[in-house]
PDB file of all heavy atoms in Angstrom:
ATOM      1  N   GLN A   1      39.523  58.866  93.063  1.00  0.00           N
ATOM      2  CA  GLN A   1      39.106  58.754  91.680  1.00  0.00           C
ATOM      3  C   GLN A   1      39.092  59.987  90.847  1.00  0.00           C
ATOM      4  O   GLN A   1      39.002  59.931  89.667  1.00  0.00           O
ATOM      5  CB  GLN A   1      37.695  58.082  91.683  1.00  0.00           C
ATOM      6  CG  GLN A   1      37.629  56.727  92.325  1.00  0.00           C
ATOM      7  CD  GLN A   1      36.337  55.996  92.016  1.00  0.00           C
ATOM      8  OE1 GLN A   1      35.810  55.974  90.918  1.00  0.00           O
ATOM      9  NE2 GLN A   1      35.748  55.521  93.108  1.00  0.00           N
ATOM     10  N   GLN A   2      39.198  61.131  91.507  1.00  0.00           N
ATOM     11  CA  GLN A   2      39.051  62.406  90.775  1.00  0.00           C
ATOM     12  C   GLN A   2      39.674  63.520  91.503  1.00  0.00           C
ATOM     13  O   GLN A   2      39.932  63.442  92.760  1.00  0.00           O
ATOM     14  CB  GLN A   2      37.566  62.750  90.484  1.00  0.00           C
ATOM     15  CG  GLN A   2      36.793  63.058  91.713  1.00  0.00           C
ATOM     16  CD  GLN A   2      35.366  63.499  91.347  1.00  0.00           C
ATOM     17  OE1 GLN A   2      35.104  64.071  90.329  1.00  0.00           O
ATOM     18  NE2 GLN A   2      34.460  63.325  92.332  1.00  0.00           N
ATOM     19  N   LEU A   3      39.971  64.681  90.815  1.00  0.00           N
ATOM     20  CA  LEU A   3      40.300  65.906  91.377  1.00  0.00           C
ATOM     21  C   LEU A   3      39.091  66.849  91.066  1.00  0.00           C
ATOM     22  O   LEU A   3      38.716  67.047  89.899  1.00  0.00           O
ATOM     23  CB  LEU A   3      41.599  66.471  90.786  1.00  0.00           C
ATOM     24  CG  LEU A   3      42.025  67.948  91.204  1.00  0.00           C
ATOM     25  CD1 LEU A   3      42.190  68.017  92.681  1.00  0.00           C
ATOM     26  CD2 LEU A   3      43.171  68.369  90.411  1.00  0.00           C
ATOM     27  N   LYS A   4      38.588  67.530  92.087  1.00  0.00           N
ATOM     28  CA  LYS A   4      37.450  68.341  91.979  1.00  0.00           C
ATOM     29  C   LYS A   4      37.755  69.743  92.507  1.00  0.00           C
ATOM     30  O   LYS A   4      38.516  69.878  93.472  1.00  0.00           O
ATOM     31  CB  LYS A   4      36.199  67.770  92.686  1.00  0.00           C
ATOM     32  CG  LYS A   4      34.923  68.579  92.504  1.00  0.00           C
ATOM     33  CD  LYS A   4      33.727  67.723  92.686  1.00  0.00           C
ATOM     34  CE  LYS A   4      32.469  68.437  92.145  1.00  0.00           C
ATOM     35  NZ  LYS A   4      31.290  67.534  92.128  1.00  0.00           N
ATOM     36  N   ALA A   5      37.206  70.729  91.862  1.00  0.00           N
ATOM     37  CA  ALA A   5      37.291  72.113  92.310  1.00  0.00           C
ATOM     38  C   ALA A   5      35.935  72.746  92.475  1.00  0.00           C
ATOM     39  O   ALA A   5      35.130  72.487  91.685  1.00  0.00           O
ATOM     40  CB  ALA A   5      38.148  72.987  91.365  1.00  0.00           C
ATOM     41  N   ILE A   6      35.738  73.499  93.543  1.00  0.00           N
ATOM     42  CA  ILE A   6      34.430  74.171  93.790  1.00  0.00           C
ATOM     43  C   ILE A   6      34.812  75.631  94.163  1.00  0.00           C
ATOM     44  O   ILE A   6      35.725  75.905  95.053  1.00  0.00           O
ATOM     45  CB  ILE A   6      33.624  73.583  94.906  1.00  0.00           C
ATOM     46  CG1 ILE A   6      32.992  72.312  94.392  1.00  0.00           C
ATOM     47  CG2 ILE A   6      32.563  74.510  95.407  1.00  0.00           C
ATOM     48  CD1 ILE A   6      32.065  71.627  95.391  1.00  0.00           C
ATOM     49  N   ALA A   7      34.040  76.610  93.557  1.00  0.00           N
ATOM     50  CA  ALA A   7      34.221  77.991  93.899  1.00  0.00           C
ATOM     51  C   ALA A   7      32.949  78.437  94.551  1.00  0.00           C
ATOM     52  O   ALA A   7      31.842  78.110  94.103  1.00  0.00           O
ATOM     53  CB  ALA A   7      34.450  78.869  92.719  1.00  0.00           C
ATOM     54  N   VAL A   8      33.098  79.270  95.668  1.00  0.00           N
ATOM     55  CA  VAL A   8      31.957  79.774  96.350  1.00  0.00           C
ATOM     56  C   VAL A   8      32.094  81.330  96.433  1.00  0.00           C
ATOM     57  O   VAL A   8      33.268  81.806  96.480  1.00  0.00           O
ATOM     58  CB  VAL A   8      31.709  79.223  97.784  1.00  0.00           C
ATOM     59  CG1 VAL A   8      31.468  77.733  97.706  1.00  0.00           C
ATOM     60  CG2 VAL A   8      32.834  79.572  98.682  1.00  0.00           C
ATOM     61  N   ASP A   9      30.961  82.020  96.460  1.00  0.00           N
ATOM     62  CA  ASP A   9      31.093  83.453  96.646  1.00  0.00           C
ATOM     63  C   ASP A   9      31.159  83.858  98.134  1.00  0.00           C
ATOM     64  O   ASP A   9      31.175  82.995  98.987  1.00  0.00           O
ATOM     65  CB  ASP A   9      29.848  84.151  95.970  1.00  0.00           C
ATOM     66  CG  ASP A   9      28.539  83.769  96.463  1.00  0.00           C
ATOM     67  OD1 ASP A   9      28.441  83.275  97.673  1.00  0.00           O
ATOM     68  OD2 ASP A   9      27.493  83.910  95.816  1.00  0.00           O
ATOM     69  N   ASN A  10      31.079  85.079  98.422  1.00  0.00           N
ATOM     70  CA  ASN A  10      31.222  85.632  99.768  1.00  0.00           C
ATOM     71  C   ASN A  10      30.093  85.092 100.677  1.00  0.00           C
ATOM     72  O   ASN A  10      30.244  85.003 101.937  1.00  0.00           O
ATOM     73  CB  ASN A  10      31.327  87.096  99.860  1.00  0.00           C
ATOM     74  CG  ASN A  10      32.093  87.585 101.072  1.00  0.00           C
ATOM     75  OD1 ASN A  10      32.953  86.942 101.579  1.00  0.00           O
ATOM     76  ND2 ASN A  10      31.624  88.670 101.614  1.00  0.00           N
ATOM     77  N   GLY A  11      28.960  84.769 100.060  1.00  0.00           N
ATOM     78  CA  GLY A  11      27.852  84.220 100.843  1.00  0.00           C
ATOM     79  C   GLY A  11      27.824  82.702 100.893  1.00  0.00           C
ATOM     80  O   GLY A  11      26.807  82.078 101.386  1.00  0.00           O
ATOM     81  N   LEU A  12      28.871  82.083 100.451  1.00  0.00           N
ATOM     82  CA  LEU A  12      29.135  80.563 100.386  1.00  0.00           C
ATOM     83  C   LEU A  12      28.176  79.834  99.500  1.00  0.00           C
ATOM     84  O   LEU A  12      27.897  78.664  99.706  1.00  0.00           O
ATOM     85  CB  LEU A  12      28.986  80.032 101.858  1.00  0.00           C
ATOM     86  CG  LEU A  12      29.923  80.633 102.884  1.00  0.00           C
ATOM     87  CD1 LEU A  12      29.746  79.936 104.288  1.00  0.00           C
ATOM     88  CD2 LEU A  12      31.351  80.455 102.471  1.00  0.00           C
ATOM     89  N   ASN A  13      27.703  80.550  98.473  1.00  0.00           N
ATOM     90  CA  ASN A  13      26.988  79.906  97.414  1.00  0.00           C
ATOM     91  C   ASN A  13      27.882  79.378  96.356  1.00  0.00           C
ATOM     92  O   ASN A  13      28.822  80.108  95.930  1.00  0.00           O
ATOM     93  CB  ASN A  13      25.946  80.885  96.789  1.00  0.00           C
ATOM     94  CG  ASN A  13      25.027  81.510  97.795  1.00  0.00           C
ATOM     95  OD1 ASN A  13      24.174  80.752  98.344  1.00  0.00           O
ATOM     96  ND2 ASN A  13      25.119  82.741  97.961  1.00  0.00           N
ATOM     97  N   VAL A  14      27.649  78.130  95.868  1.00  0.00           N
ATOM     98  CA  VAL A  14      28.544  77.615  94.850  1.00  0.00           C
ATOM     99  C   VAL A  14      28.310  78.286  93.480  1.00  0.00           C
ATOM    100  O   VAL A  14      27.184  78.434  93.104  1.00  0.00           O
ATOM    101  CB  VAL A  14      28.277  76.058  94.679  1.00  0.00           C
ATOM    102  CG1 VAL A  14      29.088  75.505  93.537  1.00  0.00           C
ATOM    103  CG2 VAL A  14      28.592  75.320  96.041  1.00  0.00           C
ATOM    104  N   THR A  15      29.393  78.725  92.892  1.00  0.00           N
ATOM    105  CA  THR A  15      29.257  79.505  91.625  1.00  0.00           C
ATOM    106  C   THR A  15      29.837  78.697  90.437  1.00  0.00           C
ATOM    107  O   THR A  15      29.339  78.820  89.335  1.00  0.00           O
ATOM    108  CB  THR A  15      29.993  80.814  91.677  1.00  0.00           C
ATOM    109  OG1 THR A  15      31.367  80.673  91.949  1.00  0.00           O
ATOM    110  CG2 THR A  15      29.386  81.746  92.800  1.00  0.00           C
ATOM    111  N   HIS A  16      30.907  77.953  90.682  1.00  0.00           N
ATOM    112  CA  HIS A  16      31.550  77.139  89.659  1.00  0.00           C
ATOM    113  C   HIS A  16      32.077  75.840  90.145  1.00  0.00           C
ATOM    114  O   HIS A  16      32.443  75.724  91.339  1.00  0.00           O
ATOM    115  CB  HIS A  16      32.722  77.917  89.039  1.00  0.00           C
ATOM    116  CG  HIS A  16      32.343  79.151  88.232  1.00  0.00           C
ATOM    117  ND1 HIS A  16      32.046  80.318  88.940  1.00  0.00           N
ATOM    118  CD2 HIS A  16      32.219  79.394  86.843  1.00  0.00           C
ATOM    119  CE1 HIS A  16      31.741  81.258  87.972  1.00  0.00           C
ATOM    120  NE2 HIS A  16      31.884  80.692  86.746  1.00  0.00           N
ATOM    121  N   GLU A  17      32.048  74.782  89.337  1.00  0.00           N
ATOM    122  CA  GLU A  17      32.576  73.484  89.635  1.00  0.00           C
ATOM    123  C   GLU A  17      33.286  72.913  88.413  1.00  0.00           C
ATOM    124  O   GLU A  17      32.898  73.212  87.241  1.00  0.00           O
ATOM    125  CB  GLU A  17      31.467  72.485  90.046  1.00  0.00           C
ATOM    126  CG  GLU A  17      30.713  72.818  91.298  1.00  0.00           C
ATOM    127  CD  GLU A  17      29.720  71.754  91.662  1.00  0.00           C
ATOM    128  OE1 GLU A  17      30.044  70.624  91.611  1.00  0.00           O
ATOM    129  OE2 GLU A  17      28.574  72.129  91.970  1.00  0.00           O
ATOM    130  N   ALA A  18      34.329  72.096  88.671  1.00  0.00           N
ATOM    131  CA  ALA A  18      35.034  71.436  87.613  1.00  0.00           C
ATOM    132  C   ALA A  18      35.639  70.208  88.222  1.00  0.00           C
ATOM    133  O   ALA A  18      36.020  70.150  89.376  1.00  0.00           O
ATOM    134  CB  ALA A  18      36.064  72.315  86.909  1.00  0.00           C
ATOM    135  N   SER A  19      35.764  69.171  87.375  1.00  0.00           N
ATOM    136  CA  SER A  19      36.375  67.944  87.877  1.00  0.00           C
ATOM    137  C   SER A  19      37.199  67.233  86.773  1.00  0.00           C
ATOM    138  O   SER A  19      36.917  67.429  85.567  1.00  0.00           O
ATOM    139  CB  SER A  19      35.375  67.056  88.470  1.00  0.00           C
ATOM    140  OG  SER A  19      34.405  66.644  87.512  1.00  0.00           O
ATOM    141  N   VAL A  20      38.086  66.408  87.180  1.00  0.00           N
ATOM    142  CA  VAL A  20      38.914  65.512  86.319  1.00  0.00           C
ATOM    143  C   VAL A  20      38.823  64.069  86.855  1.00  0.00           C
ATOM    144  O   VAL A  20      39.255  63.862  88.007  1.00  0.00           O
ATOM    145  CB  VAL A  20      40.352  65.967  86.247  1.00  0.00           C
ATOM    146  CG1 VAL A  20      41.223  64.976  85.417  1.00  0.00           C
ATOM    147  CG2 VAL A  20      40.400  67.426  85.629  1.00  0.00           C
ATOM    148  N   HIS A  21      38.291  63.189  86.112  1.00  0.00           N
ATOM    149  CA  HIS A  21      38.152  61.775  86.472  1.00  0.00           C
ATOM    150  C   HIS A  21      39.406  61.099  85.941  1.00  0.00           C
ATOM    151  O   HIS A  21      39.619  60.990  84.733  1.00  0.00           O
ATOM    152  CB  HIS A  21      36.879  61.198  86.022  1.00  0.00           C
ATOM    153  CG  HIS A  21      35.665  61.803  86.647  1.00  0.00           C
ATOM    154  ND1 HIS A  21      35.024  61.208  87.733  1.00  0.00           N
ATOM    155  CD2 HIS A  21      34.979  62.934  86.391  1.00  0.00           C
ATOM    156  CE1 HIS A  21      34.004  61.990  88.065  1.00  0.00           C
ATOM    157  NE2 HIS A  21      33.915  62.976  87.316  1.00  0.00           N
ATOM    158  N   PHE A  22      40.171  60.473  86.840  1.00  0.00           N
ATOM    159  CA  PHE A  22      41.462  59.979  86.455  1.00  0.00           C
ATOM    160  C   PHE A  22      41.380  58.835  85.394  1.00  0.00           C
ATOM    161  O   PHE A  22      42.057  58.798  84.407  1.00  0.00           O
ATOM    162  CB  PHE A  22      42.214  59.403  87.645  1.00  0.00           C
ATOM    163  CG  PHE A  22      42.406  60.446  88.756  1.00  0.00           C
ATOM    164  CD1 PHE A  22      42.277  60.157  90.116  1.00  0.00           C
ATOM    165  CD2 PHE A  22      42.726  61.776  88.437  1.00  0.00           C
ATOM    166  CE1 PHE A  22      42.415  61.060  91.044  1.00  0.00           C
ATOM    167  CE2 PHE A  22      42.942  62.714  89.382  1.00  0.00           C
ATOM    168  CZ  PHE A  22      42.766  62.343  90.718  1.00  0.00           C
ATOM    169  N   ASP A  23      40.456  57.875  85.541  1.00  0.00           N
ATOM    170  CA  ASP A  23      40.402  56.730  84.615  1.00  0.00           C
ATOM    171  C   ASP A  23      40.056  57.202  83.250  1.00  0.00           C
ATOM    172  O   ASP A  23      40.627  56.779  82.216  1.00  0.00           O
ATOM    173  CB  ASP A  23      39.362  55.753  85.142  1.00  0.00           C
ATOM    174  CG  ASP A  23      39.739  55.053  86.400  1.00  0.00           C
ATOM    175  OD1 ASP A  23      40.880  55.252  86.934  1.00  0.00           O
ATOM    176  OD2 ASP A  23      38.942  54.128  86.858  1.00  0.00           O
ATOM    177  N   SER A  24      39.030  58.056  83.124  1.00  0.00           N
ATOM    178  CA  SER A  24      38.547  58.440  81.764  1.00  0.00           C
ATOM    179  C   SER A  24      39.260  59.679  81.203  1.00  0.00           C
ATOM    180  O   SER A  24      39.485  59.736  79.970  1.00  0.00           O
ATOM    181  CB  SER A  24      37.021  58.752  81.849  1.00  0.00           C
ATOM    182  OG  SER A  24      36.782  59.795  82.874  1.00  0.00           O
ATOM    183  N   ASP A  25      39.690  60.643  82.024  1.00  0.00           N
ATOM    184  CA  ASP A  25      40.308  61.814  81.511  1.00  0.00           C
ATOM    185  C   ASP A  25      41.839  61.670  81.381  1.00  0.00           C
ATOM    186  O   ASP A  25      42.436  62.443  80.526  1.00  0.00           O
ATOM    187  CB  ASP A  25      40.018  62.985  82.437  1.00  0.00           C
ATOM    188  CG  ASP A  25      38.543  63.480  82.343  1.00  0.00           C
ATOM    189  OD1 ASP A  25      38.001  63.421  81.282  1.00  0.00           O
ATOM    190  OD2 ASP A  25      37.990  63.844  83.352  1.00  0.00           O
ATOM    191  N   LEU A  26      42.390  60.749  82.042  1.00  0.00           N
ATOM    192  CA  LEU A  26      43.856  60.512  81.951  1.00  0.00           C
ATOM    193  C   LEU A  26      44.110  59.023  81.775  1.00  0.00           C
ATOM    194  O   LEU A  26      44.815  58.427  82.571  1.00  0.00           O
ATOM    195  CB  LEU A  26      44.561  61.036  83.258  1.00  0.00           C
ATOM    196  CG  LEU A  26      44.418  62.568  83.419  1.00  0.00           C
ATOM    197  CD1 LEU A  26      44.779  62.929  84.862  1.00  0.00           C
ATOM    198  CD2 LEU A  26      45.350  63.317  82.450  1.00  0.00           C
ATOM    199  N   PRO A  27      43.605  58.495  80.677  1.00  0.00           N
ATOM    200  CA  PRO A  27      43.760  57.025  80.438  1.00  0.00           C
ATOM    201  C   PRO A  27      45.118  56.485  80.287  1.00  0.00           C
ATOM    202  O   PRO A  27      45.402  55.267  80.435  1.00  0.00           O
ATOM    203  CB  PRO A  27      42.873  56.796  79.173  1.00  0.00           C
ATOM    204  CG  PRO A  27      42.955  58.107  78.487  1.00  0.00           C
ATOM    205  CD  PRO A  27      42.988  59.177  79.531  1.00  0.00           C
ATOM    206  N   GLU A  28      46.169  57.375  79.985  1.00  0.00           N
ATOM    207  CA  GLU A  28      47.476  56.892  79.754  1.00  0.00           C
ATOM    208  C   GLU A  28      48.078  56.360  81.050  1.00  0.00           C
ATOM    209  O   GLU A  28      49.019  55.658  80.947  1.00  0.00           O
ATOM    210  CB  GLU A  28      48.307  58.122  79.241  1.00  0.00           C
ATOM    211  CG  GLU A  28      48.533  59.282  80.179  1.00  0.00           C
ATOM    212  CD  GLU A  28      47.519  60.395  80.053  1.00  0.00           C
ATOM    213  OE1 GLU A  28      46.373  60.092  79.601  1.00  0.00           O
ATOM    214  OE2 GLU A  28      47.850  61.555  80.255  1.00  0.00           O
ATOM    215  N   PHE A  29      47.498  56.638  82.188  1.00  0.00           N
ATOM    216  CA  PHE A  29      48.037  56.167  83.461  1.00  0.00           C
ATOM    217  C   PHE A  29      47.454  54.765  83.803  1.00  0.00           C
ATOM    218  O   PHE A  29      47.930  54.128  84.733  1.00  0.00           O
ATOM    219  CB  PHE A  29      47.794  57.098  84.602  1.00  0.00           C
ATOM    220  CG  PHE A  29      48.608  58.393  84.399  1.00  0.00           C
ATOM    221  CD1 PHE A  29      48.052  59.564  83.911  1.00  0.00           C
ATOM    222  CD2 PHE A  29      49.990  58.417  84.772  1.00  0.00           C
ATOM    223  CE1 PHE A  29      48.844  60.753  83.756  1.00  0.00           C
ATOM    224  CE2 PHE A  29      50.783  59.509  84.596  1.00  0.00           C
ATOM    225  CZ  PHE A  29      50.152  60.689  84.064  1.00  0.00           C
ATOM    226  N   LYS A  30      46.446  54.320  83.019  1.00  0.00           N
ATOM    227  CA  LYS A  30      45.863  52.974  83.193  1.00  0.00           C
ATOM    228  C   LYS A  30      45.518  52.567  84.575  1.00  0.00           C
ATOM    229  O   LYS A  30      45.843  51.498  85.066  1.00  0.00           O
ATOM    230  CB  LYS A  30      46.930  51.941  82.680  1.00  0.00           C
ATOM    231  CG  LYS A  30      47.280  52.158  81.197  1.00  0.00           C
ATOM    232  CD  LYS A  30      48.264  51.134  80.635  1.00  0.00           C
ATOM    233  CE  LYS A  30      48.636  51.404  79.174  1.00  0.00           C
ATOM    234  NZ  LYS A  30      49.651  50.468  78.655  1.00  0.00           N
ATOM    235  N   THR A  31      44.863  53.524  85.215  1.00  0.00           N
ATOM    236  CA  THR A  31      44.350  53.275  86.581  1.00  0.00           C
ATOM    237  C   THR A  31      42.993  52.609  86.532  1.00  0.00           C
ATOM    238  O   THR A  31      42.243  52.785  85.575  1.00  0.00           O
ATOM    239  CB  THR A  31      44.290  54.607  87.375  1.00  0.00           C
ATOM    240  OG1 THR A  31      43.458  55.491  86.751  1.00  0.00           O
ATOM    241  CG2 THR A  31      45.680  55.117  87.608  1.00  0.00           C
ATOM    242  N   ASP A  32      42.610  51.924  87.573  1.00  0.00           N
ATOM    243  CA  ASP A  32      41.268  51.394  87.702  1.00  0.00           C
ATOM    244  C   ASP A  32      40.714  51.965  89.075  1.00  0.00           C
ATOM    245  O   ASP A  32      41.237  51.599  90.152  1.00  0.00           O
ATOM    246  CB  ASP A  32      41.360  49.864  87.788  1.00  0.00           C
ATOM    247  CG  ASP A  32      40.017  49.174  87.937  1.00  0.00           C
ATOM    248  OD1 ASP A  32      38.973  49.931  87.860  1.00  0.00           O
ATOM    249  OD2 ASP A  32      39.960  48.005  88.070  1.00  0.00           O
ATOM    250  N   GLY A  33      39.714  52.822  88.947  1.00  0.00           N
ATOM    251  CA  GLY A  33      39.249  53.518  90.157  1.00  0.00           C
ATOM    252  C   GLY A  33      40.288  54.460  90.687  1.00  0.00           C
ATOM    253  O   GLY A  33      40.330  54.783  91.849  1.00  0.00           O
ATOM    254  N   GLY A  34      41.149  54.931  89.817  1.00  0.00           N
ATOM    255  CA  GLY A  34      42.194  55.933  90.187  1.00  0.00           C
ATOM    256  C   GLY A  34      43.383  55.314  90.791  1.00  0.00           C
ATOM    257  O   GLY A  34      44.254  56.052  91.293  1.00  0.00           O
ATOM    258  N   VAL A  35      43.504  54.008  90.816  1.00  0.00           N
ATOM    259  CA  VAL A  35      44.707  53.375  91.493  1.00  0.00           C
ATOM    260  C   VAL A  35      45.269  52.213  90.660  1.00  0.00           C
ATOM    261  O   VAL A  35      44.685  51.770  89.725  1.00  0.00           O
ATOM    262  CB  VAL A  35      44.191  52.750  92.907  1.00  0.00           C
ATOM    263  CG1 VAL A  35      43.536  53.796  93.716  1.00  0.00           C
ATOM    264  CG2 VAL A  35      43.276  51.575  92.695  1.00  0.00           C
ATOM    265  N   HIS A  36      46.404  51.784  91.087  1.00  0.00           N
ATOM    266  CA  HIS A  36      47.069  50.625  90.529  1.00  0.00           C
ATOM    267  C   HIS A  36      47.116  49.584  91.704  1.00  0.00           C
ATOM    268  O   HIS A  36      47.566  49.775  92.755  1.00  0.00           O
ATOM    269  CB  HIS A  36      48.518  50.902  90.189  1.00  0.00           C
ATOM    270  CG  HIS A  36      48.637  51.742  88.911  1.00  0.00           C
ATOM    271  ND1 HIS A  36      49.746  52.609  88.801  1.00  0.00           N
ATOM    272  CD2 HIS A  36      47.907  51.925  87.892  1.00  0.00           C
ATOM    273  CE1 HIS A  36      49.618  53.246  87.551  1.00  0.00           C
ATOM    274  NE2 HIS A  36      48.490  52.901  87.046  1.00  0.00           N
ATOM    275  N   LYS A  37      46.471  48.444  91.369  1.00  0.00           N
ATOM    276  CA  LYS A  37      46.410  47.307  92.289  1.00  0.00           C
ATOM    277  C   LYS A  37      47.509  46.311  91.890  1.00  0.00           C
ATOM    278  O   LYS A  37      47.529  45.850  90.767  1.00  0.00           O
ATOM    279  CB  LYS A  37      45.035  46.575  92.270  1.00  0.00           C
ATOM    280  CG  LYS A  37      44.969  45.382  93.203  1.00  0.00           C
ATOM    281  CD  LYS A  37      43.580  44.777  93.211  1.00  0.00           C
ATOM    282  CE  LYS A  37      43.461  43.542  94.122  1.00  0.00           C
ATOM    283  NZ  LYS A  37      42.133  42.970  94.064  1.00  0.00           N
ATOM    284  N   HIS A  38      48.396  46.039  92.829  1.00  0.00           N
ATOM    285  CA  HIS A  38      49.563  45.183  92.529  1.00  0.00           C
ATOM    286  C   HIS A  38      49.202  43.659  92.685  1.00  0.00           C
ATOM    287  O   HIS A  38      48.194  43.293  93.244  1.00  0.00           O
ATOM    288  CB  HIS A  38      50.725  45.577  93.415  1.00  0.00           C
ATOM    289  CG  HIS A  38      51.187  46.930  93.096  1.00  0.00           C
ATOM    290  ND1 HIS A  38      52.491  47.252  92.750  1.00  0.00           N
ATOM    291  CD2 HIS A  38      50.556  48.166  93.146  1.00  0.00           C
ATOM    292  CE1 HIS A  38      52.614  48.561  92.530  1.00  0.00           C
ATOM    293  NE2 HIS A  38      51.457  49.121  92.822  1.00  0.00           N
ATOM    294  N   ASN A  39      50.047  42.874  92.137  1.00  0.00           N
ATOM    295  CA  ASN A  39      49.789  41.429  92.136  1.00  0.00           C
ATOM    296  C   ASN A  39      49.600  40.771  93.462  1.00  0.00           C
ATOM    297  O   ASN A  39      48.986  39.721  93.573  1.00  0.00           O
ATOM    298  CB  ASN A  39      50.802  40.726  91.270  1.00  0.00           C
ATOM    299  CG  ASN A  39      50.799  41.038  89.801  1.00  0.00           C
ATOM    300  OD1 ASN A  39      49.767  41.462  89.297  1.00  0.00           O
ATOM    301  ND2 ASN A  39      51.990  41.018  89.156  1.00  0.00           N
ATOM    302  N   ASP A  40      50.252  41.326  94.528  1.00  0.00           N
ATOM    303  CA  ASP A  40      50.049  40.694  95.814  1.00  0.00           C
ATOM    304  C   ASP A  40      48.700  40.895  96.447  1.00  0.00           C
ATOM    305  O   ASP A  40      48.440  40.339  97.557  1.00  0.00           O
ATOM    306  CB  ASP A  40      51.223  41.171  96.779  1.00  0.00           C
ATOM    307  CG  ASP A  40      51.087  42.696  97.039  1.00  0.00           C
ATOM    308  OD1 ASP A  40      50.173  43.345  96.535  1.00  0.00           O
ATOM    309  OD2 ASP A  40      52.006  43.274  97.729  1.00  0.00           O
ATOM    310  N   GLY A  41      47.883  41.762  95.796  1.00  0.00           N
ATOM    311  CA  GLY A  41      46.566  41.908  96.329  1.00  0.00           C
ATOM    312  C   GLY A  41      46.400  42.852  97.515  1.00  0.00           C
ATOM    313  O   GLY A  41      45.300  43.175  97.937  1.00  0.00           O
ATOM    314  N   CYS A  42      47.582  43.353  98.070  1.00  0.00           N
ATOM    315  CA  CYS A  42      47.447  44.224  99.229  1.00  0.00           C
ATOM    316  C   CYS A  42      48.269  45.486  99.041  1.00  0.00           C
ATOM    317  O   CYS A  42      48.262  46.358  99.883  1.00  0.00           O
ATOM    318  CB  CYS A  42      47.985  43.503 100.502  1.00  0.00           C
ATOM    319  SG  CYS A  42      49.626  42.808 100.403  1.00  0.00           S
TER     320      CYS A  42
END
């Protein structure tokens, strides 16, 4: 459903995060939950 990035410092503490949610941030691809479900159901 998303692409996420996390940065940690040398002590493994999280310093930065960012994410892109496919359905809401890239609506032109018309995904549902990040996917295309085809008519055959499988």
